[in-house]
């Protein structure tokens, strides 16, 4: 059954997530350049857990400054401003990873689709050698008069058919929840996603950023489709690193085991899952 894309009900979302939920403010705009950029600009005055959702995003961007555009009402473009003052700065890199856990677990529970994560936080749908990318996450920091704020952006392909999906530019092919056979109400989905994320964020904050004692590291590793894969990590101008993705360490780094048996922790880089012929 095909779901016809329709506007979000702002009042319903505020009732669920603000008036009777864990968020301090929520706005939905028809169109913007980037929800992340908008919230970064409001970081001095926005309260912890302020949410901005756009029906259409025209200059969205992902990791490594890749552009991301989606037609009106077809995707979810949501950003959340967070002030996790309980978390040491050295642990803030876990924020987009735990957001990935919330996203993948929400997809599984709402749609029943197999879902995984490509390190660090791309949402994959499909399975095995047929994973496709359906969402990405980007976190940006902002120093404000009230301390460090983090704007967390999540972009999900929801209703896109083959003609609305971007053309692949290397890496995994794009997909959407609809293309994988799921019929999704965007308002219900984003409500479940943000509720799940708030619960994980509460857990993370209550342990002051520790992800070992509260099972968050294990939850991430169970979802991480990169683990066990042959990968190549590109670092821009530096030589790439090739090997087997062995594990995620307590710092959120991908540990790659080379052919010589040496393990290298990777904090940042462009990871590609290699096919047997590559």
C-alpha atoms as a PDB file:
ATOM      1  CA  UNK A   1       0.000   0.000   0.000  1.00  0.00           C
ATOM      2  CA  UNK A   2       1.403   3.417  -0.992  1.00  0.00           C
ATOM      3  CA  UNK A   3       1.259   6.239   1.551  1.00  0.00           C
ATOM      4  CA  UNK A   4       0.479   9.678   0.094  1.00  0.00           C
ATOM      5  CA  UNK A   5       2.932  12.273   1.519  1.00  0.00           C
ATOM      6  CA  UNK A   6       1.050  14.811   3.670  1.00  0.00           C
ATOM      7  CA  UNK A   7       2.087  17.709   5.947  1.00  0.00           C
ATOM      8  CA  UNK A   8       2.974  17.058   9.565  1.00  0.00           C
ATOM      9  CA  UNK A   9       0.516  18.089  12.291  1.00  0.00           C
ATOM     10  CA  UNK A  10       2.535  20.488  14.441  1.00  0.00           C
ATOM     11  CA  UNK A  11      -0.073  20.629  17.210  1.00  0.00           C
ATOM     12  CA  UNK A  12      -0.198  16.843  17.513  1.00  0.00           C
ATOM     13  CA  UNK A  13       3.602  16.601  17.651  1.00  0.00           C
ATOM     14  CA  UNK A  14       3.845  19.328  20.311  1.00  0.00           C
ATOM     15  CA  UNK A  15       1.196  17.565  22.398  1.00  0.00           C
ATOM     16  CA  UNK A  16       3.079  14.250  22.220  1.00  0.00           C
ATOM     17  CA  UNK A  17       6.650  15.506  22.528  1.00  0.00           C
ATOM     18  CA  UNK A  18       6.542  18.825  24.405  1.00  0.00           C
ATOM     19  CA  UNK A  19       3.365  19.149  26.475  1.00  0.00           C
ATOM     20  CA  UNK A  20       3.358  15.454  27.396  1.00  0.00           C
ATOM     21  CA  UNK A  21       6.908  14.540  26.470  1.00  0.00           C
ATOM     22  CA  UNK A  22      10.603  15.156  27.105  1.00  0.00           C
ATOM     23  CA  UNK A  23      11.232  18.119  24.755  1.00  0.00           C
ATOM     24  CA  UNK A  24      11.213  21.830  25.591  1.00  0.00           C
ATOM     25  CA  UNK A  25      10.100  23.251  22.219  1.00  0.00           C
ATOM     26  CA  UNK A  26       9.174  22.024  18.739  1.00  0.00           C
ATOM     27  CA  UNK A  27       8.595  23.896  15.492  1.00  0.00           C
ATOM     28  CA  UNK A  28       7.773  22.661  11.994  1.00  0.00           C
ATOM     29  CA  UNK A  29       8.621  24.880   9.011  1.00  0.00           C
ATOM     30  CA  UNK A  30       7.549  24.307   5.429  1.00  0.00           C
ATOM     31  CA  UNK A  31      10.942  24.890   3.847  1.00  0.00           C
ATOM     32  CA  UNK A  32      14.429  25.877   4.944  1.00  0.00           C
ATOM     33  CA  UNK A  33      17.992  25.585   3.809  1.00  0.00           C
ATOM     34  CA  UNK A  34      19.211  23.431   6.692  1.00  0.00           C
ATOM     35  CA  UNK A  35      17.560  22.716  10.042  1.00  0.00           C
ATOM     36  CA  UNK A  36      21.007  22.272  11.587  1.00  0.00           C
ATOM     37  CA  UNK A  37      22.135  25.701  10.395  1.00  0.00           C
ATOM     38  CA  UNK A  38      18.934  27.280  11.712  1.00  0.00           C
ATOM     39  CA  UNK A  39      19.365  25.786  15.186  1.00  0.00           C
ATOM     40  CA  UNK A  40      23.073  26.625  15.343  1.00  0.00           C
ATOM     41  CA  UNK A  41      22.095  30.248  14.698  1.00  0.00           C
ATOM     42  CA  UNK A  42      19.609  30.061  17.607  1.00  0.00           C
ATOM     43  CA  UNK A  43      21.993  28.231  19.939  1.00  0.00           C
ATOM     44  CA  UNK A  44      22.494  31.174  22.336  1.00  0.00           C
ATOM     45  CA  UNK A  45      18.817  31.314  23.280  1.00  0.00           C
ATOM     46  CA  UNK A  46      17.372  27.862  22.481  1.00  0.00           C
ATOM     47  CA  UNK A  47      16.721  25.577  25.425  1.00  0.00           C
ATOM     48  CA  UNK A  48      18.005  22.043  25.853  1.00  0.00           C
ATOM     49  CA  UNK A  49      16.056  19.622  23.631  1.00  0.00           C
ATOM     50  CA  UNK A  50      14.670  22.198  21.202  1.00  0.00           C
ATOM     51  CA  UNK A  51      13.402  20.491  18.029  1.00  0.00           C
ATOM     52  CA  UNK A  52      13.153  21.918  14.505  1.00  0.00           C
ATOM     53  CA  UNK A  53      11.585  19.931  11.655  1.00  0.00           C
ATOM     54  CA  UNK A  54      11.405  21.011   8.006  1.00  0.00           C
ATOM     55  CA  UNK A  55       8.975  19.628   5.439  1.00  0.00           C
ATOM     56  CA  UNK A  56      11.510  20.447   2.734  1.00  0.00           C
ATOM     57  CA  UNK A  57      15.239  21.043   3.081  1.00  0.00           C
ATOM     58  CA  UNK A  58      17.083  22.686   0.204  1.00  0.00           C
ATOM     59  CA  UNK A  59      20.722  22.853   1.311  1.00  0.00           C
ATOM     60  CA  UNK A  60      21.041  20.048   3.822  1.00  0.00           C
ATOM     61  CA  UNK A  61      24.434  18.480   4.300  1.00  0.00           C
ATOM     62  CA  UNK A  62      25.843  15.323   5.749  1.00  0.00           C
ATOM     63  CA  UNK A  63      29.216  14.150   6.900  1.00  0.00           C
ATOM     64  CA  UNK A  64      32.241  15.301   4.854  1.00  0.00           C
ATOM     65  CA  UNK A  65      30.119  18.258   3.588  1.00  0.00           C
ATOM     66  CA  UNK A  66      28.050  16.091   1.236  1.00  0.00           C
ATOM     67  CA  UNK A  67      24.844  17.810   0.099  1.00  0.00           C
ATOM     68  CA  UNK A  68      21.426  16.323   0.791  1.00  0.00           C
ATOM     69  CA  UNK A  69      18.118  17.508  -0.742  1.00  0.00           C
ATOM     70  CA  UNK A  70      14.635  16.004  -0.440  1.00  0.00           C
ATOM     71  CA  UNK A  71      11.221  16.870  -1.961  1.00  0.00           C
ATOM     72  CA  UNK A  72       8.535  18.414   0.261  1.00  0.00           C
ATOM     73  CA  UNK A  73       6.708  15.947   2.553  1.00  0.00           C
ATOM     74  CA  UNK A  74       8.806  12.978   1.366  1.00  0.00           C
ATOM     75  CA  UNK A  75      11.470  12.807   4.064  1.00  0.00           C
ATOM     76  CA  UNK A  76      12.127  13.641   7.672  1.00  0.00           C
ATOM     77  CA  UNK A  77      14.533  16.508   8.278  1.00  0.00           C
ATOM     78  CA  UNK A  78      14.800  16.990  12.028  1.00  0.00           C
ATOM     79  CA  UNK A  79      17.372  18.705  14.210  1.00  0.00           C
ATOM     80  CA  UNK A  80      17.582  18.767  17.996  1.00  0.00           C
ATOM     81  CA  UNK A  81      19.596  21.256  20.035  1.00  0.00           C
ATOM     82  CA  UNK A  82      21.094  19.609  23.111  1.00  0.00           C
ATOM     83  CA  UNK A  83      22.962  20.931  26.131  1.00  0.00           C
ATOM     84  CA  UNK A  84      24.442  17.778  27.700  1.00  0.00           C
ATOM     85  CA  UNK A  85      26.330  19.612  30.437  1.00  0.00           C
ATOM     86  CA  UNK A  86      26.748  16.352  32.379  1.00  0.00           C
ATOM     87  CA  UNK A  87      28.916  14.874  29.613  1.00  0.00           C
ATOM     88  CA  UNK A  88      32.697  15.471  29.466  1.00  0.00           C
ATOM     89  CA  UNK A  89      33.718  16.991  26.144  1.00  0.00           C
ATOM     90  CA  UNK A  90      35.869  13.938  25.464  1.00  0.00           C
ATOM     91  CA  UNK A  91      32.707  11.792  25.319  1.00  0.00           C
ATOM     92  CA  UNK A  92      30.542  14.034  23.110  1.00  0.00           C
ATOM     93  CA  UNK A  93      31.609  12.132  19.987  1.00  0.00           C
ATOM     94  CA  UNK A  94      29.239   9.373  21.063  1.00  0.00           C
ATOM     95  CA  UNK A  95      26.173  11.564  20.523  1.00  0.00           C
ATOM     96  CA  UNK A  96      25.634  10.822  16.794  1.00  0.00           C
ATOM     97  CA  UNK A  97      26.330   7.128  17.431  1.00  0.00           C
ATOM     98  CA  UNK A  98      23.683   6.803  20.143  1.00  0.00           C
ATOM     99  CA  UNK A  99      21.321   8.727  17.864  1.00  0.00           C
ATOM    100  CA  UNK A 100      22.014   6.024  15.282  1.00  0.00           C
ATOM    101  CA  UNK A 101      20.974   3.396  17.826  1.00  0.00           C
ATOM    102  CA  UNK A 102      17.680   5.229  18.414  1.00  0.00           C
ATOM    103  CA  UNK A 103      17.084   5.528  14.657  1.00  0.00           C
ATOM    104  CA  UNK A 104      17.834   1.899  13.766  1.00  0.00           C
ATOM    105  CA  UNK A 105      15.845   0.539  16.710  1.00  0.00           C
ATOM    106  CA  UNK A 106      12.888   2.777  15.795  1.00  0.00           C
ATOM    107  CA  UNK A 107      12.940   1.562  12.187  1.00  0.00           C
ATOM    108  CA  UNK A 108      12.961  -2.034  13.381  1.00  0.00           C
ATOM    109  CA  UNK A 109      10.108  -1.552  15.853  1.00  0.00           C
ATOM    110  CA  UNK A 110       7.882   0.650  13.656  1.00  0.00           C
ATOM    111  CA  UNK A 111       8.369  -1.025  10.259  1.00  0.00           C
ATOM    112  CA  UNK A 112       9.753  -4.480  10.972  1.00  0.00           C
ATOM    113  CA  UNK A 113      12.443  -3.899   8.349  1.00  0.00           C
ATOM    114  CA  UNK A 114      15.970  -5.207   8.907  1.00  0.00           C
ATOM    115  CA  UNK A 115      18.095  -2.191   9.798  1.00  0.00           C
ATOM    116  CA  UNK A 116      21.749  -1.656  10.558  1.00  0.00           C
ATOM    117  CA  UNK A 117      24.331   1.071  10.943  1.00  0.00           C
ATOM    118  CA  UNK A 118      27.350   1.826   8.802  1.00  0.00           C
ATOM    119  CA  UNK A 119      29.978   3.298  11.089  1.00  0.00           C
ATOM    120  CA  UNK A 120      29.628   5.857  12.388  1.00  0.00           C
ATOM    121  CA  UNK A 121      25.928   6.570  11.914  1.00  0.00           C
ATOM    122  CA  UNK A 122      24.439   5.945   8.447  1.00  0.00           C
ATOM    123  CA  UNK A 123      21.162   3.995   8.559  1.00  0.00           C
ATOM    124  CA  UNK A 124      21.227   0.919   6.323  1.00  0.00           C
ATOM    125  CA  UNK A 125      18.219  -1.055   5.104  1.00  0.00           C
ATOM    126  CA  UNK A 126      18.363  -4.456   3.427  1.00  0.00           C
ATOM    127  CA  UNK A 127      20.795  -7.147   4.527  1.00  0.00           C
ATOM    128  CA  UNK A 128      24.174  -8.746   3.922  1.00  0.00           C
ATOM    129  CA  UNK A 129      25.633  -7.750   0.559  1.00  0.00           C
ATOM    130  CA  UNK A 130      22.506  -5.744  -0.330  1.00  0.00           C
ATOM    131  CA  UNK A 131      22.591  -2.949   2.232  1.00  0.00           C
ATOM    132  CA  UNK A 132      21.386   0.467   1.011  1.00  0.00           C
ATOM    133  CA  UNK A 133      21.586   3.843   2.759  1.00  0.00           C
ATOM    134  CA  UNK A 134      18.309   5.388   3.954  1.00  0.00           C
ATOM    135  CA  UNK A 135      19.409   8.059   6.434  1.00  0.00           C
ATOM    136  CA  UNK A 136      22.312  10.020   7.811  1.00  0.00           C
ATOM    137  CA  UNK A 137      23.145  11.887  11.000  1.00  0.00           C
ATOM    138  CA  UNK A 138      25.260  15.004  11.508  1.00  0.00           C
ATOM    139  CA  UNK A 139      26.248  16.605  14.827  1.00  0.00           C
ATOM    140  CA  UNK A 140      27.612  20.157  15.032  1.00  0.00           C
ATOM    141  CA  UNK A 141      28.921  21.984  18.085  1.00  0.00           C
ATOM    142  CA  UNK A 142      28.244  25.586  19.039  1.00  0.00           C
ATOM    143  CA  UNK A 143      29.949  27.496  21.861  1.00  0.00           C
ATOM    144  CA  UNK A 144      27.340  29.707  23.518  1.00  0.00           C
ATOM    145  CA  UNK A 145      27.135  31.999  26.524  1.00  0.00           C
ATOM    146  CA  UNK A 146      25.460  29.102  28.341  1.00  0.00           C
ATOM    147  CA  UNK A 147      28.193  26.620  27.467  1.00  0.00           C
ATOM    148  CA  UNK A 148      28.576  24.039  24.722  1.00  0.00           C
ATOM    149  CA  UNK A 149      25.490  23.167  22.666  1.00  0.00           C
ATOM    150  CA  UNK A 150      25.266  20.332  20.167  1.00  0.00           C
ATOM    151  CA  UNK A 151      22.879  20.388  17.216  1.00  0.00           C
ATOM    152  CA  UNK A 152      22.034  16.881  16.079  1.00  0.00           C
ATOM    153  CA  UNK A 153      20.523  16.548  12.601  1.00  0.00           C
ATOM    154  CA  UNK A 154      18.797  13.426  11.263  1.00  0.00           C
ATOM    155  CA  UNK A 155      17.645  13.058   7.666  1.00  0.00           C
ATOM    156  CA  UNK A 156      15.543  10.031   6.696  1.00  0.00           C
ATOM    157  CA  UNK A 157      14.263   9.016   3.257  1.00  0.00           C
ATOM    158  CA  UNK A 158      10.664   8.018   3.971  1.00  0.00           C
ATOM    159  CA  UNK A 159       8.300   8.168   0.979  1.00  0.00           C
ATOM    160  CA  UNK A 160      10.855   8.411  -1.827  1.00  0.00           C
ATOM    161  CA  UNK A 161      10.377   6.209  -4.846  1.00  0.00           C
ATOM    162  CA  UNK A 162      13.201   5.456  -7.287  1.00  0.00           C
ATOM    163  CA  UNK A 163      12.594   8.724  -9.163  1.00  0.00           C
ATOM    164  CA  UNK A 164      12.898  10.863  -5.991  1.00  0.00           C
ATOM    165  CA  UNK A 165      16.037   9.238  -4.630  1.00  0.00           C
ATOM    166  CA  UNK A 166      19.378  10.936  -5.327  1.00  0.00           C
ATOM    167  CA  UNK A 167      21.652   9.413  -7.906  1.00  0.00           C
ATOM    168  CA  UNK A 168      24.384   7.340  -6.239  1.00  0.00           C
ATOM    169  CA  UNK A 169      27.846   8.919  -6.240  1.00  0.00           C
ATOM    170  CA  UNK A 170      29.875   5.951  -5.142  1.00  0.00           C
ATOM    171  CA  UNK A 171      29.413   4.029  -1.925  1.00  0.00           C
ATOM    172  CA  UNK A 172      26.168   2.320  -1.004  1.00  0.00           C
ATOM    173  CA  UNK A 173      23.084   2.968  -3.163  1.00  0.00           C
ATOM    174  CA  UNK A 174      20.297   5.098  -1.673  1.00  0.00           C
ATOM    175  CA  UNK A 175      16.931   3.750  -0.576  1.00  0.00           C
ATOM    176  CA  UNK A 176      13.919   4.766   1.508  1.00  0.00           C
ATOM    177  CA  UNK A 177      11.483   3.168   3.922  1.00  0.00           C
ATOM    178  CA  UNK A 178       8.886   3.074   1.129  1.00  0.00           C
ATOM    179  CA  UNK A 179      11.322   1.563  -1.381  1.00  0.00           C
ATOM    180  CA  UNK A 180      11.932  -1.246   1.114  1.00  0.00           C
ATOM    181  CA  UNK A 181       8.183  -1.913   1.357  1.00  0.00           C
ATOM    182  CA  UNK A 182       7.229   0.004   4.515  1.00  0.00           C
ATOM    183  CA  UNK A 183       4.152   2.238   4.712  1.00  0.00           C
ATOM    184  CA  UNK A 184       4.973   4.893   7.303  1.00  0.00           C
ATOM    185  CA  UNK A 185       3.139   7.837   8.838  1.00  0.00           C
ATOM    186  CA  UNK A 186       5.866  10.479   9.186  1.00  0.00           C
ATOM    187  CA  UNK A 187       4.344  12.062  12.305  1.00  0.00           C
ATOM    188  CA  UNK A 188       4.077   8.733  14.120  1.00  0.00           C
ATOM    189  CA  UNK A 189       7.582   7.809  13.030  1.00  0.00           C
ATOM    190  CA  UNK A 190       9.256  11.029  14.151  1.00  0.00           C
ATOM    191  CA  UNK A 191       7.351  10.895  17.451  1.00  0.00           C
ATOM    192  CA  UNK A 192       8.612   7.364  18.094  1.00  0.00           C
ATOM    193  CA  UNK A 193      12.130   8.310  16.992  1.00  0.00           C
ATOM    194  CA  UNK A 194      12.398  11.365  19.229  1.00  0.00           C
ATOM    195  CA  UNK A 195      10.889   9.506  22.184  1.00  0.00           C
ATOM    196  CA  UNK A 196      13.398   6.688  21.726  1.00  0.00           C
ATOM    197  CA  UNK A 197      16.278   9.133  21.398  1.00  0.00           C
ATOM    198  CA  UNK A 198      15.273  10.999  24.570  1.00  0.00           C
ATOM    199  CA  UNK A 199      15.312   7.733  26.512  1.00  0.00           C
ATOM    200  CA  UNK A 200      18.770   6.849  25.235  1.00  0.00           C
ATOM    201  CA  UNK A 201      19.989  10.406  25.862  1.00  0.00           C
ATOM    202  CA  UNK A 202      18.699  10.196  29.454  1.00  0.00           C
ATOM    203  CA  UNK A 203      20.579   6.920  29.941  1.00  0.00           C
ATOM    204  CA  UNK A 204      23.766   8.365  28.445  1.00  0.00           C
ATOM    205  CA  UNK A 205      23.599  11.516  30.560  1.00  0.00           C
ATOM    206  CA  UNK A 206      22.832   9.619  33.767  1.00  0.00           C
ATOM    207  CA  UNK A 207      26.099   7.676  33.260  1.00  0.00           C
ATOM    208  CA  UNK A 208      28.042  10.875  32.394  1.00  0.00           C
ATOM    209  CA  UNK A 209      28.874   9.644  28.912  1.00  0.00           C
ATOM    210  CA  UNK A 210      29.885   6.104  29.849  1.00  0.00           C
ATOM    211  CA  UNK A 211      28.603   3.644  27.214  1.00  0.00           C
ATOM    212  CA  UNK A 212      30.010   0.433  28.677  1.00  0.00           C
ATOM    213  CA  UNK A 213      28.166   0.141  31.978  1.00  0.00           C
ATOM    214  CA  UNK A 214      24.755   0.961  30.478  1.00  0.00           C
ATOM    215  CA  UNK A 215      24.851  -1.404  27.439  1.00  0.00           C
ATOM    216  CA  UNK A 216      24.905   1.416  24.858  1.00  0.00           C
ATOM    217  CA  UNK A 217      28.193   0.204  23.369  1.00  0.00           C
ATOM    218  CA  UNK A 218      26.801  -3.330  23.052  1.00  0.00           C
ATOM    219  CA  UNK A 219      23.553  -2.031  21.521  1.00  0.00           C
ATOM    220  CA  UNK A 220      25.544  -0.073  18.961  1.00  0.00           C
ATOM    221  CA  UNK A 221      27.783  -3.014  18.082  1.00  0.00           C
ATOM    222  CA  UNK A 222      24.783  -5.338  17.626  1.00  0.00           C
ATOM    223  CA  UNK A 223      23.412  -2.914  15.022  1.00  0.00           C
ATOM    224  CA  UNK A 224      26.707  -2.063  13.314  1.00  0.00           C
ATOM    225  CA  UNK A 225      26.721  -3.707   9.881  1.00  0.00           C
ATOM    226  CA  UNK A 226      30.306  -2.537   9.318  1.00  0.00           C
ATOM    227  CA  UNK A 227      31.699  -5.006  11.850  1.00  0.00           C
ATOM    228  CA  UNK A 228      33.147  -8.110  10.227  1.00  0.00           C
ATOM    229  CA  UNK A 229      33.282  -6.418   6.812  1.00  0.00           C
ATOM    230  CA  UNK A 230      36.367  -5.844   4.706  1.00  0.00           C
ATOM    231  CA  UNK A 231      36.678  -2.058   4.625  1.00  0.00           C
ATOM    232  CA  UNK A 232      38.772   0.753   3.236  1.00  0.00           C
ATOM    233  CA  UNK A 233      38.987   3.978   5.207  1.00  0.00           C
ATOM    234  CA  UNK A 234      39.878   7.092   3.237  1.00  0.00           C
ATOM    235  CA  UNK A 235      41.457  10.043   5.068  1.00  0.00           C
ATOM    236  CA  UNK A 236      41.606  12.607   2.278  1.00  0.00           C
ATOM    237  CA  UNK A 237      45.248  13.360   1.519  1.00  0.00           C
ATOM    238  CA  UNK A 238      46.647  10.550   3.663  1.00  0.00           C
ATOM    239  CA  UNK A 239      47.038   6.934   2.565  1.00  0.00           C
ATOM    240  CA  UNK A 240      43.885   4.823   3.013  1.00  0.00           C
ATOM    241  CA  UNK A 241      43.628   2.049   5.575  1.00  0.00           C
ATOM    242  CA  UNK A 242      42.347  -1.397   4.549  1.00  0.00           C
ATOM    243  CA  UNK A 243      41.422  -4.370   6.681  1.00  0.00           C
ATOM    244  CA  UNK A 244      38.644  -6.020   8.658  1.00  0.00           C
ATOM    245  CA  UNK A 245      36.317  -3.921  10.812  1.00  0.00           C
ATOM    246  CA  UNK A 246      36.873  -5.723  14.109  1.00  0.00           C
ATOM    247  CA  UNK A 247      35.046  -3.798  16.827  1.00  0.00           C
ATOM    248  CA  UNK A 248      34.009  -0.436  18.232  1.00  0.00           C
ATOM    249  CA  UNK A 249      36.069   0.745  21.187  1.00  0.00           C
ATOM    250  CA  UNK A 250      34.826   2.641  24.234  1.00  0.00           C
ATOM    251  CA  UNK A 251      35.663   5.925  22.516  1.00  0.00           C
ATOM    252  CA  UNK A 252      33.358   5.147  19.577  1.00  0.00           C
ATOM    253  CA  UNK A 253      36.286   4.507  17.245  1.00  0.00           C
ATOM    254  CA  UNK A 254      36.204   1.811  14.570  1.00  0.00           C
ATOM    255  CA  UNK A 255      39.045  -0.640  15.156  1.00  0.00           C
ATOM    256  CA  UNK A 256      40.380  -1.978  11.850  1.00  0.00           C
ATOM    257  CA  UNK A 257      42.566  -5.103  11.840  1.00  0.00           C
ATOM    258  CA  UNK A 258      45.064  -5.143   8.974  1.00  0.00           C
ATOM    259  CA  UNK A 259      46.405  -8.147   7.057  1.00  0.00           C
ATOM    260  CA  UNK A 260      49.446  -8.103   9.349  1.00  0.00           C
ATOM    261  CA  UNK A 261      47.230  -8.492  12.411  1.00  0.00           C
ATOM    262  CA  UNK A 262      47.830  -4.936  13.668  1.00  0.00           C
ATOM    263  CA  UNK A 263      44.772  -3.075  14.961  1.00  0.00           C
ATOM    264  CA  UNK A 264      44.253   0.608  14.176  1.00  0.00           C
ATOM    265  CA  UNK A 265      41.525   2.689  15.877  1.00  0.00           C
ATOM    266  CA  UNK A 266      39.846   5.143  13.483  1.00  0.00           C
ATOM    267  CA  UNK A 267      38.167   8.249  14.897  1.00  0.00           C
ATOM    268  CA  UNK A 268      37.206   9.852  11.564  1.00  0.00           C
ATOM    269  CA  UNK A 269      37.309   8.880   7.910  1.00  0.00           C
ATOM    270  CA  UNK A 270      35.199   7.798   4.965  1.00  0.00           C
ATOM    271  CA  UNK A 271      34.527   4.066   5.344  1.00  0.00           C
ATOM    272  CA  UNK A 272      33.694   1.912   2.354  1.00  0.00           C
ATOM    273  CA  UNK A 273      32.441  -1.673   2.608  1.00  0.00           C
ATOM    274  CA  UNK A 274      34.474  -3.619   0.058  1.00  0.00           C
ATOM    275  CA  UNK A 275      33.063  -6.245  -2.274  1.00  0.00           C
ATOM    276  CA  UNK A 276      35.083  -9.455  -2.719  1.00  0.00           C
ATOM    277  CA  UNK A 277      36.552  -8.182  -6.018  1.00  0.00           C
ATOM    278  CA  UNK A 278      37.758  -4.859  -4.571  1.00  0.00           C
END
